[in-house]
Structures are given as C-alpha cells and as structure tokens.
Amino acid sequence: MPMNVIDRDSLIGMVAGPLVWTAHFLVAYILVAVGCAFGFGTSGPGEWGAVRTAVIIASGIALAIIAVLILLAWRRWTQSGGSETPQNERQARHRFMAVGSLLLCFLSGVAVVYVTVPLFFLAACQ
C-alpha cells in the first residue's frame, strides 16, 4: 500500500521525509510552548517532565516513519537498477528520484535528532 502512494514517479516520495521533519518540528514547538505556558515543562536539565517525554516520543515516531521512508527509497533505488549505468532516460529519472529521496530522508532524520538532542541538556522552558 505505501508503494502506491509513494511510487516511483511521485514527488511525494521525495518530499515525504522533509514533510515528516516539518511536522515533527511543529509538534515539538507546540508541545513546548503549551507545556511551558501551562507549567508542564518546568523540569530542570536532569529531570524528566511531561513536555520532554512527549517530544521524545514524537521524535521516536518521526524517526520510525523516516526509517520506513528510507527503506522504501532504498527499494526503489534497487528496483531501478542500483549502481548500474541507466539504460534510458526513464530509468535515470527513477534512479535520481530514489537517490534524492534517500538523501532527503537521511537529512530529515538528522534534523529530527538535531531538534531532539537539546532536550537532554537543557530545561524545556529556558
């Protein structure tokens, strides 16, 4: 089913990783803003508050989705011939989209980790 939505010729496959990162970024900022406004995120650097836990759970979900997208992109890349020389323009386009999807998903995963790491060192409401 996911291959039908994110097929070889769809740009959704290329932008799915950055969309997941964007959604994670939005959820993290909303959770921290609401948590700090209502006093749920007042824990210190070594303490675990509700906001910190919620953002880390959201990060885990985002990373799991990105991992699935990486696997789908890898599968598209191998189906399009992998590292072999493309035989025609269509195969070259499929390969380009698969490699673009792989790179964008990988960068999105790094960005999710980059957004999450400060929670381990800073208080949520600083």
Foldseek 3Di string as FASTA:
>chain_A
DVCVVVPLPDCCLLCVLVVLLVVLVVVLVVLLVVCVVVVQQPDWLQDDTPSLVVSVVSLVVSLVVLVVSLVVLVVQLVVLPNPDDHPDPVSVSSNVSSVSSNVSSVVSNVSSCVVNVVSNGGGSND
